Amino acid sequence: MSDAFLPQGAPGELLDERDLSKLRWRCRRGLLENDLLIEKFFERYAGSLTVGQARGLHALMELADNDLLDLLLWRKEPGVDITTMEMSEVLGMLRGGRVGAREQLAG
């Protein structure tokens, strides 16, 4: 995990614009489906993301595209891939709470 993209500060602090921009760049994916879900996530949460959530999202981006997509589409339950509470929280946000990813794409 490259520290260049990790925001500094306390986990509860809101991200500043510079860190948010760097995080968006880091979250670009090779699969269009992942990009669509991640873009919807940023549309919904960009103004309220915390440093801790950014770290969780950054860690999720270390997963392979297909593994990430399986998690987002509920094809796979979180397991050994999800190693922190921050990752788990952000995965729930990406999944849209209890709404399935297919409904997120349509909505």
PDB file of N, CA and C in Angstrom:
ATOM      1  N   MET A   1       0.850  -1.171   0.000  1.00  0.00           N
ATOM      2  CA  MET A   1       0.000   0.000   0.000  1.00  0.00           C
ATOM      3  C   MET A   1       0.892   1.229   0.000  1.00  0.00           C
ATOM      4  N   SER A   2       0.735   2.090  -0.952  1.00  0.00           N
ATOM      5  CA  SER A   2       1.566   3.283  -1.065  1.00  0.00           C
ATOM      6  C   SER A   2       1.074   4.367  -0.112  1.00  0.00           C
ATOM      7  N   ASP A   3       1.986   4.888   0.718  1.00  0.00           N
ATOM      8  CA  ASP A   3       1.626   5.944   1.661  1.00  0.00           C
ATOM      9  C   ASP A   3       1.318   7.265   0.975  1.00  0.00           C
ATOM     10  N   ALA A   4       1.706   7.426  -0.286  1.00  0.00           N
ATOM     11  CA  ALA A   4       1.465   8.679  -1.003  1.00  0.00           C
ATOM     12  C   ALA A   4      -0.022   8.990  -1.117  1.00  0.00           C
ATOM     13  N   PHE A   5      -0.862   7.963  -1.114  1.00  0.00           N
ATOM     14  CA  PHE A   5      -2.295   8.177  -1.257  1.00  0.00           C
ATOM     15  C   PHE A   5      -3.032   8.178   0.077  1.00  0.00           C
ATOM     16  N   LEU A   6      -2.365   7.806   1.143  1.00  0.00           N
ATOM     17  CA  LEU A   6      -3.030   7.733   2.437  1.00  0.00           C
ATOM     18  C   LEU A   6      -3.121   9.112   3.071  1.00  0.00           C
ATOM     19  N   PRO A   7      -4.331   9.531   3.452  1.00  0.00           N
ATOM     20  CA  PRO A   7      -4.479  10.836   4.098  1.00  0.00           C
ATOM     21  C   PRO A   7      -3.916  10.801   5.512  1.00  0.00           C
ATOM     22  N   GLN A   8      -3.425  11.928   5.956  1.00  0.00           N
ATOM     23  CA  GLN A   8      -2.911  12.067   7.313  1.00  0.00           C
ATOM     24  C   GLN A   8      -4.019  12.655   8.180  1.00  0.00           C
ATOM     25  N   GLY A   9      -3.957  12.362   9.456  1.00  0.00           N
ATOM     26  CA  GLY A   9      -4.933  12.926  10.375  1.00  0.00           C
ATOM     27  C   GLY A   9      -5.635  11.849  11.172  1.00  0.00           C
ATOM     28  N   ALA A  10      -6.487  12.295  12.085  1.00  0.00           N
ATOM     29  CA  ALA A  10      -7.247  11.386  12.934  1.00  0.00           C
ATOM     30  C   ALA A  10      -8.329  10.690  12.112  1.00  0.00           C
ATOM     31  N   PRO A  11      -8.657   9.441  12.448  1.00  0.00           N
ATOM     32  CA  PRO A  11      -9.639   8.687  11.664  1.00  0.00           C
ATOM     33  C   PRO A  11     -10.995   9.373  11.511  1.00  0.00           C
ATOM     34  N   GLY A  12     -11.416  10.179  12.484  1.00  0.00           N
ATOM     35  CA  GLY A  12     -12.717  10.827  12.416  1.00  0.00           C
ATOM     36  C   GLY A  12     -12.747  12.151  11.672  1.00  0.00           C
ATOM     37  N   GLU A  13     -11.579  12.660  11.298  1.00  0.00           N
ATOM     38  CA  GLU A  13     -11.512  13.941  10.571  1.00  0.00           C
ATOM     39  C   GLU A  13     -12.056  13.789   9.161  1.00  0.00           C
ATOM     40  N   LEU A  14     -12.719  14.844   8.681  1.00  0.00           N
ATOM     41  CA  LEU A  14     -13.182  14.839   7.294  1.00  0.00           C
ATOM     42  C   LEU A  14     -11.999  14.998   6.351  1.00  0.00           C
ATOM     43  N   LEU A  15     -12.104  14.377   5.185  1.00  0.00           N
ATOM     44  CA  LEU A  15     -11.064  14.515   4.158  1.00  0.00           C
ATOM     45  C   LEU A  15     -11.086  15.915   3.580  1.00  0.00           C
ATOM     46  N   ASP A  16      -9.912  16.453   3.303  1.00  0.00           N
ATOM     47  CA  ASP A  16      -9.879  17.727   2.594  1.00  0.00           C
ATOM     48  C   ASP A  16      -9.933  17.452   1.087  1.00  0.00           C
ATOM     49  N   GLU A  17     -10.089  18.511   0.305  1.00  0.00           N
ATOM     50  CA  GLU A  17     -10.260  18.366  -1.150  1.00  0.00           C
ATOM     51  C   GLU A  17      -9.069  17.681  -1.813  1.00  0.00           C
ATOM     52  N   ARG A  18      -7.877  18.009  -1.362  1.00  0.00           N
ATOM     53  CA  ARG A  18      -6.671  17.413  -1.961  1.00  0.00           C
ATOM     54  C   ARG A  18      -6.635  15.904  -1.726  1.00  0.00           C
ATOM     55  N   ASP A  19      -6.891  15.488  -0.486  1.00  0.00           N
ATOM     56  CA  ASP A  19      -6.891  14.058  -0.179  1.00  0.00           C
ATOM     57  C   ASP A  19      -8.022  13.338  -0.905  1.00  0.00           C
ATOM     58  N   LEU A  20      -9.178  13.988  -1.027  1.00  0.00           N
ATOM     59  CA  LEU A  20     -10.298  13.391  -1.749  1.00  0.00           C
ATOM     60  C   LEU A  20      -9.941  13.188  -3.218  1.00  0.00           C
ATOM     61  N   SER A  21      -9.287  14.166  -3.808  1.00  0.00           N
ATOM     62  CA  SER A  21      -8.875  14.062  -5.204  1.00  0.00           C
ATOM     63  C   SER A  21      -7.880  12.918  -5.398  1.00  0.00           C
ATOM     64  N   LYS A  22      -6.918  12.799  -4.487  1.00  0.00           N
ATOM     65  CA  LYS A  22      -5.942  11.711  -4.573  1.00  0.00           C
ATOM     66  C   LYS A  22      -6.622  10.356  -4.393  1.00  0.00           C
ATOM     67  N   LEU A  23      -7.605  10.286  -3.502  1.00  0.00           N
ATOM     68  CA  LEU A  23      -8.323   9.034  -3.275  1.00  0.00           C
ATOM     69  C   LEU A  23      -9.122   8.631  -4.512  1.00  0.00           C
ATOM     70  N   ARG A  24      -9.796   9.589  -5.123  1.00  0.00           N
ATOM     71  CA  ARG A  24     -10.537   9.293  -6.360  1.00  0.00           C
ATOM     72  C   ARG A  24      -9.602   8.723  -7.427  1.00  0.00           C
ATOM     73  N   TRP A  25      -8.424   9.322  -7.566  1.00  0.00           N
ATOM     74  CA  TRP A  25      -7.448   8.841  -8.551  1.00  0.00           C
ATOM     75  C   TRP A  25      -7.025   7.409  -8.220  1.00  0.00           C
ATOM     76  N   ARG A  26      -6.780   7.144  -6.945  1.00  0.00           N
ATOM     77  CA  ARG A  26      -6.349   5.812  -6.507  1.00  0.00           C
ATOM     78  C   ARG A  26      -7.425   4.757  -6.747  1.00  0.00           C
ATOM     79  N   CYS A  27      -8.679   5.159  -6.762  1.00  0.00           N
ATOM     80  CA  CYS A  27      -9.792   4.217  -6.866  1.00  0.00           C
ATOM     81  C   CYS A  27     -10.168   3.856  -8.297  1.00  0.00           C
ATOM     82  N   ARG A  28      -9.465   4.388  -9.263  1.00  0.00           N
ATOM     83  CA  ARG A  28      -9.765   4.018 -10.650  1.00  0.00           C
ATOM     84  C   ARG A  28      -9.455   2.540 -10.842  1.00  0.00           C
ATOM     85  N   ARG A  29     -10.376   1.833 -11.523  1.00  0.00           N
ATOM     86  CA  ARG A  29     -10.252   0.383 -11.653  1.00  0.00           C
ATOM     87  C   ARG A  29     -10.218  -0.036 -13.110  1.00  0.00           C
ATOM     88  N   GLY A  30      -9.839  -1.283 -13.323  1.00  0.00           N
ATOM     89  CA  GLY A  30      -9.791  -1.838 -14.669  1.00  0.00           C
ATOM     90  C   GLY A  30     -11.123  -2.379 -15.150  1.00  0.00           C
ATOM     91  N   LEU A  31     -12.040  -2.655 -14.237  1.00  0.00           N
ATOM     92  CA  LEU A  31     -13.368  -3.152 -14.602  1.00  0.00           C
ATOM     93  C   LEU A  31     -14.383  -2.017 -14.537  1.00  0.00           C
ATOM     94  N   LEU A  32     -15.111  -1.829 -15.603  1.00  0.00           N
ATOM     95  CA  LEU A  32     -16.112  -0.765 -15.668  1.00  0.00           C
ATOM     96  C   LEU A  32     -17.137  -0.894 -14.548  1.00  0.00           C
ATOM     97  N   GLU A  33     -17.547  -2.118 -14.243  1.00  0.00           N
ATOM     98  CA  GLU A  33     -18.549  -2.326 -13.194  1.00  0.00           C
ATOM     99  C   GLU A  33     -18.059  -1.773 -11.856  1.00  0.00           C
ATOM    100  N   ASN A  34     -16.803  -2.030 -11.525  1.00  0.00           N
ATOM    101  CA  ASN A  34     -16.237  -1.474 -10.289  1.00  0.00           C
ATOM    102  C   ASN A  34     -16.217   0.045 -10.342  1.00  0.00           C
ATOM    103  N   ASP A  35     -15.786   0.595 -11.465  1.00  0.00           N
ATOM    104  CA  ASP A  35     -15.742   2.055 -11.603  1.00  0.00           C
ATOM    105  C   ASP A  35     -17.117   2.682 -11.401  1.00  0.00           C
ATOM    106  N   LEU A  36     -18.155   2.060 -11.946  1.00  0.00           N
ATOM    107  CA  LEU A  36     -19.510   2.602 -11.799  1.00  0.00           C
ATOM    108  C   LEU A  36     -19.954   2.595 -10.345  1.00  0.00           C
ATOM    109  N   LEU A  37     -19.699   1.510  -9.649  1.00  0.00           N
ATOM    110  CA  LEU A  37     -20.087   1.427  -8.242  1.00  0.00           C
ATOM    111  C   LEU A  37     -19.281   2.397  -7.380  1.00  0.00           C
ATOM    112  N   ILE A  38     -18.007   2.525  -7.670  1.00  0.00           N
ATOM    113  CA  ILE A  38     -17.156   3.435  -6.898  1.00  0.00           C
ATOM    114  C   ILE A  38     -17.533   4.887  -7.171  1.00  0.00           C
ATOM    115  N   GLU A  39     -17.863   5.212  -8.409  1.00  0.00           N
ATOM    116  CA  GLU A  39     -18.284   6.582  -8.728  1.00  0.00           C
ATOM    117  C   GLU A  39     -19.586   6.928  -8.005  1.00  0.00           C
ATOM    118  N   LYS A  40     -20.518   5.983  -7.961  1.00  0.00           N
ATOM    119  CA  LYS A  40     -21.770   6.208  -7.233  1.00  0.00           C
ATOM    120  C   LYS A  40     -21.479   6.424  -5.743  1.00  0.00           C
ATOM    121  N   PHE A  41     -20.521   5.683  -5.204  1.00  0.00           N
ATOM    122  CA  PHE A  41     -20.092   5.853  -3.818  1.00  0.00           C
ATOM    123  C   PHE A  41     -19.597   7.281  -3.589  1.00  0.00           C
ATOM    124  N   PHE A  42     -18.736   7.775  -4.486  1.00  0.00           N
ATOM    125  CA  PHE A  42     -18.213   9.134  -4.334  1.00  0.00           C
ATOM    126  C   PHE A  42     -19.315  10.176  -4.488  1.00  0.00           C
ATOM    127  N   GLU A  43     -20.260   9.956  -5.380  1.00  0.00           N
ATOM    128  CA  GLU A  43     -21.382  10.892  -5.519  1.00  0.00           C
ATOM    129  C   GLU A  43     -22.149  11.000  -4.212  1.00  0.00           C
ATOM    130  N   ARG A  44     -22.301   9.901  -3.536  1.00  0.00           N
ATOM    131  CA  ARG A  44     -23.089   9.862  -2.313  1.00  0.00           C
ATOM    132  C   ARG A  44     -22.306  10.347  -1.093  1.00  0.00           C
ATOM    133  N   TYR A  45     -21.035   9.994  -0.990  1.00  0.00           N
ATOM    134  CA  TYR A  45     -20.308  10.188   0.263  1.00  0.00           C
ATOM    135  C   TYR A  45     -19.127  11.159   0.205  1.00  0.00           C
ATOM    136  N   ALA A  46     -18.787  11.712  -0.939  1.00  0.00           N
ATOM    137  CA  ALA A  46     -17.568  12.529  -1.058  1.00  0.00           C
ATOM    138  C   ALA A  46     -17.502  13.642  -0.014  1.00  0.00           C
ATOM    139  N   GLY A  47     -18.598  14.299   0.256  1.00  0.00           N
ATOM    140  CA  GLY A  47     -18.596  15.422   1.186  1.00  0.00           C
ATOM    141  C   GLY A  47     -18.504  15.041   2.645  1.00  0.00           C
ATOM    142  N   SER A  48     -18.662  13.756   2.953  1.00  0.00           N
ATOM    143  CA  SER A  48     -18.661  13.342   4.354  1.00  0.00           C
ATOM    144  C   SER A  48     -17.650  12.243   4.669  1.00  0.00           C
ATOM    145  N   LEU A  49     -16.759  11.934   3.735  1.00  0.00           N
ATOM    146  CA  LEU A  49     -15.764  10.882   3.981  1.00  0.00           C
ATOM    147  C   LEU A  49     -14.752  11.313   5.034  1.00  0.00           C
ATOM    148  N   THR A  50     -14.452  10.395   5.931  1.00  0.00           N
ATOM    149  CA  THR A  50     -13.454  10.658   6.962  1.00  0.00           C
ATOM    150  C   THR A  50     -12.110  10.054   6.559  1.00  0.00           C
ATOM    151  N   VAL A  51     -11.096  10.440   7.286  1.00  0.00           N
ATOM    152  CA  VAL A  51      -9.760   9.893   7.055  1.00  0.00           C
ATOM    153  C   VAL A  51      -9.775   8.378   7.253  1.00  0.00           C
ATOM    154  N   GLY A  52     -10.458   7.904   8.275  1.00  0.00           N
ATOM    155  CA  GLY A  52     -10.541   6.462   8.522  1.00  0.00           C
ATOM    156  C   GLY A  52     -11.224   5.721   7.387  1.00  0.00           C
ATOM    157  N   GLN A  53     -12.317   6.275   6.892  1.00  0.00           N
ATOM    158  CA  GLN A  53     -13.010   5.653   5.765  1.00  0.00           C
ATOM    159  C   GLN A  53     -12.140   5.662   4.516  1.00  0.00           C
ATOM    160  N   ALA A  54     -11.388   6.735   4.324  1.00  0.00           N
ATOM    161  CA  ALA A  54     -10.480   6.806   3.176  1.00  0.00           C
ATOM    162  C   ALA A  54      -9.418   5.718   3.270  1.00  0.00           C
ATOM    163  N   ARG A  55      -8.925   5.478   4.467  1.00  0.00           N
ATOM    164  CA  ARG A  55      -7.940   4.406   4.649  1.00  0.00           C
ATOM    165  C   ARG A  55      -8.570   3.046   4.361  1.00  0.00           C
ATOM    166  N   GLY A  56      -9.810   2.855   4.790  1.00  0.00           N
ATOM    167  CA  GLY A  56     -10.505   1.602   4.495  1.00  0.00           C
ATOM    168  C   GLY A  56     -10.721   1.409   3.007  1.00  0.00           C
ATOM    169  N   LEU A  57     -11.119   2.473   2.316  1.00  0.00           N
ATOM    170  CA  LEU A  57     -11.325   2.398   0.869  1.00  0.00           C
ATOM    171  C   LEU A  57     -10.003   2.131   0.162  1.00  0.00           C
ATOM    172  N   HIS A  58      -8.955   2.794   0.600  1.00  0.00           N
ATOM    173  CA  HIS A  58      -7.629   2.578   0.014  1.00  0.00           C
ATOM    174  C   HIS A  58      -7.230   1.108   0.158  1.00  0.00           C
ATOM    175  N   ALA A  59      -7.480   0.529   1.315  1.00  0.00           N
ATOM    176  CA  ALA A  59      -7.140  -0.881   1.536  1.00  0.00           C
ATOM    177  C   ALA A  59      -7.975  -1.794   0.637  1.00  0.00           C
ATOM    178  N   LEU A  60      -9.253  -1.477   0.446  1.00  0.00           N
ATOM    179  CA  LEU A  60     -10.090  -2.273  -0.460  1.00  0.00           C
ATOM    180  C   LEU A  60      -9.560  -2.232  -1.886  1.00  0.00           C
ATOM    181  N   MET A  61      -8.969  -1.115  -2.268  1.00  0.00           N
ATOM    182  CA  MET A  61      -8.454  -0.982  -3.630  1.00  0.00           C
ATOM    183  C   MET A  61      -7.229  -1.858  -3.875  1.00  0.00           C
ATOM    184  N   GLU A  62      -6.679  -2.435  -2.816  1.00  0.00           N
ATOM    185  CA  GLU A  62      -5.569  -3.376  -2.965  1.00  0.00           C
ATOM    186  C   GLU A  62      -6.050  -4.736  -3.465  1.00  0.00           C
ATOM    187  N   LEU A  63      -7.356  -4.996  -3.372  1.00  0.00           N
ATOM    188  CA  LEU A  63      -7.906  -6.268  -3.850  1.00  0.00           C
ATOM    189  C   LEU A  63      -7.879  -6.314  -5.371  1.00  0.00           C
ATOM    190  N   ALA A  64      -7.821  -7.514  -5.906  1.00  0.00           N
ATOM    191  CA  ALA A  64      -7.925  -7.694  -7.355  1.00  0.00           C
ATOM    192  C   ALA A  64      -9.315  -7.257  -7.812  1.00  0.00           C
ATOM    193  N   ASP A  65      -9.422  -6.774  -9.044  1.00  0.00           N
ATOM    194  CA  ASP A  65     -10.697  -6.280  -9.564  1.00  0.00           C
ATOM    195  C   ASP A  65     -11.824  -7.293  -9.413  1.00  0.00           C
ATOM    196  N   ASN A  66     -11.585  -8.541  -9.783  1.00  0.00           N
ATOM    197  CA  ASN A  66     -12.645  -9.550  -9.710  1.00  0.00           C
ATOM    198  C   ASN A  66     -13.049  -9.854  -8.274  1.00  0.00           C
ATOM    199  N   ASP A  67     -12.096  -9.882  -7.354  1.00  0.00           N
ATOM    200  CA  ASP A  67     -12.424 -10.100  -5.944  1.00  0.00           C
ATOM    201  C   ASP A  67     -13.246  -8.942  -5.393  1.00  0.00           C
ATOM    202  N   LEU A  68     -12.872  -7.721  -5.749  1.00  0.00           N
ATOM    203  CA  LEU A  68     -13.624  -6.550  -5.309  1.00  0.00           C
ATOM    204  C   LEU A  68     -15.045  -6.587  -5.861  1.00  0.00           C
ATOM    205  N   LEU A  69     -15.183  -6.893  -7.132  1.00  0.00           N
ATOM    206  CA  LEU A  69     -16.514  -6.949  -7.734  1.00  0.00           C
ATOM    207  C   LEU A  69     -17.374  -8.019  -7.070  1.00  0.00           C
ATOM    208  N   ASP A  70     -16.798  -9.179  -6.779  1.00  0.00           N
ATOM    209  CA  ASP A  70     -17.556 -10.231  -6.097  1.00  0.00           C
ATOM    210  C   ASP A  70     -18.066  -9.753  -4.741  1.00  0.00           C
ATOM    211  N   LEU A  71     -17.255  -9.001  -4.018  1.00  0.00           N
ATOM    212  CA  LEU A  71     -17.699  -8.453  -2.735  1.00  0.00           C
ATOM    213  C   LEU A  71     -18.810  -7.426  -2.931  1.00  0.00           C
ATOM    214  N   LEU A  72     -18.646  -6.541  -3.901  1.00  0.00           N
ATOM    215  CA  LEU A  72     -19.628  -5.477  -4.123  1.00  0.00           C
ATOM    216  C   LEU A  72     -20.970  -6.021  -4.582  1.00  0.00           C
ATOM    217  N   LEU A  73     -20.951  -7.095  -5.355  1.00  0.00           N
ATOM    218  CA  LEU A  73     -22.194  -7.684  -5.882  1.00  0.00           C
ATOM    219  C   LEU A  73     -22.763  -8.763  -4.967  1.00  0.00           C
ATOM    220  N   TRP A  74     -22.213  -8.904  -3.776  1.00  0.00           N
ATOM    221  CA  TRP A  74     -22.679  -9.873  -2.789  1.00  0.00           C
ATOM    222  C   TRP A  74     -22.496 -11.318  -3.261  1.00  0.00           C
ATOM    223  N   ARG A  75     -21.618 -11.565  -4.208  1.00  0.00           N
ATOM    224  CA  ARG A  75     -21.335 -12.935  -4.648  1.00  0.00           C
ATOM    225  C   ARG A  75     -20.426 -13.639  -3.654  1.00  0.00           C
ATOM    226  N   LYS A  76     -19.769 -12.855  -2.834  1.00  0.00           N
ATOM    227  CA  LYS A  76     -18.795 -13.369  -1.879  1.00  0.00           C
ATOM    228  C   LYS A  76     -18.978 -12.597  -0.581  1.00  0.00           C
ATOM    229  N   GLU A  77     -18.927 -13.311   0.519  1.00  0.00           N
ATOM    230  CA  GLU A  77     -19.024 -12.654   1.817  1.00  0.00           C
ATOM    231  C   GLU A  77     -17.635 -12.202   2.266  1.00  0.00           C
ATOM    232  N   PRO A  78     -17.576 -11.112   3.013  1.00  0.00           N
ATOM    233  CA  PRO A  78     -16.275 -10.663   3.515  1.00  0.00           C
ATOM    234  C   PRO A  78     -15.629 -11.764   4.348  1.00  0.00           C
ATOM    235  N   GLY A  79     -14.374 -11.942   4.161  1.00  0.00           N
ATOM    236  CA  GLY A  79     -13.628 -12.962   4.900  1.00  0.00           C
ATOM    237  C   GLY A  79     -12.246 -12.448   5.201  1.00  0.00           C
ATOM    238  N   VAL A  80     -11.268 -13.234   4.823  1.00  0.00           N
ATOM    239  CA  VAL A  80      -9.881 -12.869   5.115  1.00  0.00           C
ATOM    240  C   VAL A  80      -9.434 -11.641   4.337  1.00  0.00           C
ATOM    241  N   ASP A  81     -10.179 -11.282   3.259  1.00  0.00           N
ATOM    242  CA  ASP A  81      -9.835 -10.086   2.484  1.00  0.00           C
ATOM    243  C   ASP A  81     -10.064  -8.805   3.278  1.00  0.00           C
ATOM    244  N   ILE A  82     -11.039  -8.830   4.175  1.00  0.00           N
ATOM    245  CA  ILE A  82     -11.419  -7.642   4.943  1.00  0.00           C
ATOM    246  C   ILE A  82     -10.732  -7.728   6.298  1.00  0.00           C
ATOM    247  N   THR A  83      -9.676  -6.936   6.475  1.00  0.00           N
ATOM    248  CA  THR A  83      -8.822  -7.090   7.649  1.00  0.00           C
ATOM    249  C   THR A  83      -9.011  -6.011   8.708  1.00  0.00           C
ATOM    250  N   THR A  84      -9.777  -4.954   8.414  1.00  0.00           N
ATOM    251  CA  THR A  84      -9.974  -3.886   9.398  1.00  0.00           C
ATOM    252  C   THR A  84     -11.448  -3.495   9.460  1.00  0.00           C
ATOM    253  N   MET A  85     -11.817  -2.862  10.561  1.00  0.00           N
ATOM    254  CA  MET A  85     -13.185  -2.352  10.703  1.00  0.00           C
ATOM    255  C   MET A  85     -13.452  -1.258   9.671  1.00  0.00           C
ATOM    256  N   GLU A  86     -12.429  -0.471   9.346  1.00  0.00           N
ATOM    257  CA  GLU A  86     -12.592   0.589   8.342  1.00  0.00           C
ATOM    258  C   GLU A  86     -12.947  -0.010   6.983  1.00  0.00           C
ATOM    259  N   MET A  87     -12.276  -1.114   6.622  1.00  0.00           N
ATOM    260  CA  MET A  87     -12.583  -1.782   5.354  1.00  0.00           C
ATOM    261  C   MET A  87     -14.015  -2.302   5.366  1.00  0.00           C
ATOM    262  N   SER A  88     -14.423  -2.897   6.474  1.00  0.00           N
ATOM    263  CA  SER A  88     -15.773  -3.435   6.595  1.00  0.00           C
ATOM    264  C   SER A  88     -16.819  -2.329   6.486  1.00  0.00           C
ATOM    265  N   GLU A  89     -16.570  -1.209   7.148  1.00  0.00           N
ATOM    266  CA  GLU A  89     -17.497  -0.073   7.096  1.00  0.00           C
ATOM    267  C   GLU A  89     -17.651   0.447   5.666  1.00  0.00           C
ATOM    268  N   VAL A  90     -16.527   0.623   4.977  1.00  0.00           N
ATOM    269  CA  VAL A  90     -16.568   1.161   3.619  1.00  0.00           C
ATOM    270  C   VAL A  90     -17.206   0.158   2.659  1.00  0.00           C
ATOM    271  N   LEU A  91     -16.954  -1.129   2.860  1.00  0.00           N
ATOM    272  CA  LEU A  91     -17.612  -2.133   2.023  1.00  0.00           C
ATOM    273  C   LEU A  91     -19.123  -2.020   2.170  1.00  0.00           C
ATOM    274  N   GLY A  92     -19.607  -1.847   3.395  1.00  0.00           N
ATOM    275  CA  GLY A  92     -21.040  -1.651   3.610  1.00  0.00           C
ATOM    276  C   GLY A  92     -21.556  -0.409   2.906  1.00  0.00           C
ATOM    277  N   MET A  93     -20.775   0.659   2.921  1.00  0.00           N
ATOM    278  CA  MET A  93     -21.165   1.889   2.230  1.00  0.00           C
ATOM    279  C   MET A  93     -21.185   1.673   0.722  1.00  0.00           C
ATOM    280  N   LEU A  94     -20.175   0.985   0.204  1.00  0.00           N
ATOM    281  CA  LEU A  94     -20.125   0.699  -1.233  1.00  0.00           C
ATOM    282  C   LEU A  94     -21.296  -0.169  -1.666  1.00  0.00           C
ATOM    283  N   ARG A  95     -21.677  -1.082  -0.794  1.00  0.00           N
ATOM    284  CA  ARG A  95     -22.813  -1.957  -1.092  1.00  0.00           C
ATOM    285  C   ARG A  95     -24.138  -1.221  -0.918  1.00  0.00           C
ATOM    286  N   GLY A  96     -24.101  -0.036  -0.363  1.00  0.00           N
ATOM    287  CA  GLY A  96     -25.320   0.756  -0.184  1.00  0.00           C
ATOM    288  C   GLY A  96     -26.180   0.273   0.955  1.00  0.00           C
ATOM    289  N   GLY A  97     -25.580  -0.122   2.055  1.00  0.00           N
ATOM    290  CA  GLY A  97     -26.346  -0.657   3.170  1.00  0.00           C
ATOM    291  C   GLY A  97     -26.808  -2.058   2.830  1.00  0.00           C
ATOM    292  N   ARG A  98     -28.102  -2.280   2.843  1.00  0.00           N
ATOM    293  CA  ARG A  98     -28.640  -3.605   2.537  1.00  0.00           C
ATOM    294  C   ARG A  98     -29.109  -3.709   1.098  1.00  0.00           C
ATOM    295  N   VAL A  99     -28.933  -2.670   0.317  1.00  0.00           N
ATOM    296  CA  VAL A  99     -29.342  -2.687  -1.088  1.00  0.00           C
ATOM    297  C   VAL A  99     -28.272  -3.391  -1.890  1.00  0.00           C
ATOM    298  N   GLY A 100     -28.669  -4.300  -2.768  1.00  0.00           N
ATOM    299  CA  GLY A 100     -27.722  -5.006  -3.616  1.00  0.00           C
ATOM    300  C   GLY A 100     -27.087  -4.078  -4.631  1.00  0.00           C
ATOM    301  N   ALA A 101     -25.930  -4.462  -5.119  1.00  0.00           N
ATOM    302  CA  ALA A 101     -25.185  -3.622  -6.063  1.00  0.00           C
ATOM    303  C   ALA A 101     -25.938  -3.423  -7.371  1.00  0.00           C
ATOM    304  N   ARG A 102     -26.709  -4.408  -7.803  1.00  0.00           N
ATOM    305  CA  ARG A 102     -27.465  -4.245  -9.051  1.00  0.00           C
ATOM    306  C   ARG A 102     -28.478  -3.107  -8.919  1.00  0.00           C
ATOM    307  N   GLU A 103     -29.098  -3.008  -7.738  1.00  0.00           N
ATOM    308  CA  GLU A 103     -30.038  -1.914  -7.507  1.00  0.00           C
ATOM    309  C   GLU A 103     -29.310  -0.581  -7.442  1.00  0.00           C
ATOM    310  N   GLN A 104     -28.074  -0.570  -6.937  1.00  0.00           N
ATOM    311  CA  GLN A 104     -27.293   0.662  -6.899  1.00  0.00           C
ATOM    312  C   GLN A 104     -27.007   1.155  -8.303  1.00  0.00           C
ATOM    313  N   LEU A 105     -26.643   0.248  -9.188  1.00  0.00           N
ATOM    314  CA  LEU A 105     -26.348   0.644 -10.565  1.00  0.00           C
ATOM    315  C   LEU A 105     -27.583   1.214 -11.243  1.00  0.00           C
ATOM    316  N   ALA A 106     -28.733   0.625 -10.977  1.00  0.00           N
ATOM    317  CA  ALA A 106     -29.976   1.079 -11.603  1.00  0.00           C
ATOM    318  C   ALA A 106     -30.445   2.394 -11.003  1.00  0.00           C
ATOM    319  N   GLY A 107     -30.149   2.608  -9.706  1.00  0.00           N
ATOM    320  CA  GLY A 107     -30.650   3.782  -9.001  1.00  0.00           C
ATOM    321  C   GLY A 107     -29.815   4.931  -9.214  1.00  0.00           C
TER     322      GLY A 107
END
